[in-house]
Amino acid sequence: MQPFIVEHYLTKTVDVYCGGPDVFRGTIEACADNVLTLKRDEKITHIAIDKVIAIWAQ
């Protein structure tokens, strides 16, 4: 999944669903070492790629 994210979504604003009630939103800053890095409002969120269920661009 990491190459797919880098090729199609790097620098795009996305929503990331990992299950449950939480949806993470932000711009993909990096995707390396099986970690997805989102930035929103100067805050960084790191998500384990193997936990991602769905990603959609805004």
Protein backbone atom coordinates (compact mmCIF):
# COMPACT_ATOMS: atom_id res chain seq x y z
CA MET A 1 0.00 0.00 0.00
CA GLN A 2 2.89 2.39 0.68
CA PRO A 3 3.90 2.74 -3.01
CA PHE A 4 0.25 3.32 -3.97
CA ILE A 5 -0.11 6.12 -1.40
CA VAL A 6 3.13 7.78 -2.48
CA GLU A 7 2.23 7.58 -6.17
CA HIS A 8 -1.41 8.71 -5.94
CA TYR A 9 -1.85 10.75 -2.75
CA LEU A 10 1.43 12.38 -1.69
CA THR A 11 0.84 16.11 -0.92
CA LYS A 12 -2.95 15.72 -1.27
CA THR A 13 -5.51 16.42 1.43
CA VAL A 14 -7.24 13.20 2.42
CA ASP A 15 -9.45 11.53 4.99
CA VAL A 16 -8.11 8.28 6.44
CA TYR A 17 -10.39 5.69 8.04
CA CYS A 18 -8.91 3.09 10.39
CA GLY A 19 -12.12 1.70 11.89
CA GLY A 20 -14.35 2.84 14.69
CA PRO A 21 -15.59 6.41 14.96
CA ASP A 22 -12.29 8.14 14.10
CA VAL A 23 -11.44 9.61 10.71
CA PHE A 24 -8.09 11.37 10.34
CA ARG A 25 -7.91 14.35 7.98
CA GLY A 26 -4.86 16.14 6.67
CA THR A 27 -2.33 16.56 3.90
CA ILE A 28 -0.06 13.59 3.31
CA GLU A 29 3.43 14.84 4.10
CA ALA A 30 5.23 11.49 3.93
CA CYS A 31 4.74 7.77 3.67
CA ALA A 32 7.77 5.70 4.65
CA ASP A 33 8.69 2.75 6.86
CA ASN A 34 5.01 1.67 6.91
CA VAL A 35 3.95 4.95 8.55
CA LEU A 36 1.62 7.51 6.96
CA THR A 37 2.26 11.09 8.07
CA LEU A 38 -0.56 13.65 7.88
CA LYS A 39 -0.32 17.36 8.63
CA ARG A 40 -3.27 19.56 9.57
CA ASP A 41 -3.24 22.95 11.28
CA GLU A 42 0.50 22.61 11.98
CA LYS A 43 -0.11 19.31 13.83
CA ILE A 44 1.37 16.01 12.68
CA THR A 45 -0.39 12.64 12.89
CA HIS A 46 1.39 9.34 12.25
CA ILE A 47 -0.69 6.31 11.29
CA ALA A 48 0.49 2.72 10.87
CA ILE A 49 -0.26 1.82 7.25
CA ASP A 50 -1.42 -1.68 8.17
CA LYS A 51 -4.27 -0.12 10.20
CA VAL A 52 -5.63 1.93 7.26
CA ILE A 53 -8.95 0.64 5.90
CA ALA A 54 -9.76 3.44 3.44
CA ILE A 55 -8.38 6.71 2.09
CA TRP A 56 -10.34 9.27 0.12
CA ALA A 57 -9.25 12.60 -1.33
CA GLN A 58 -11.26 15.72 -0.69
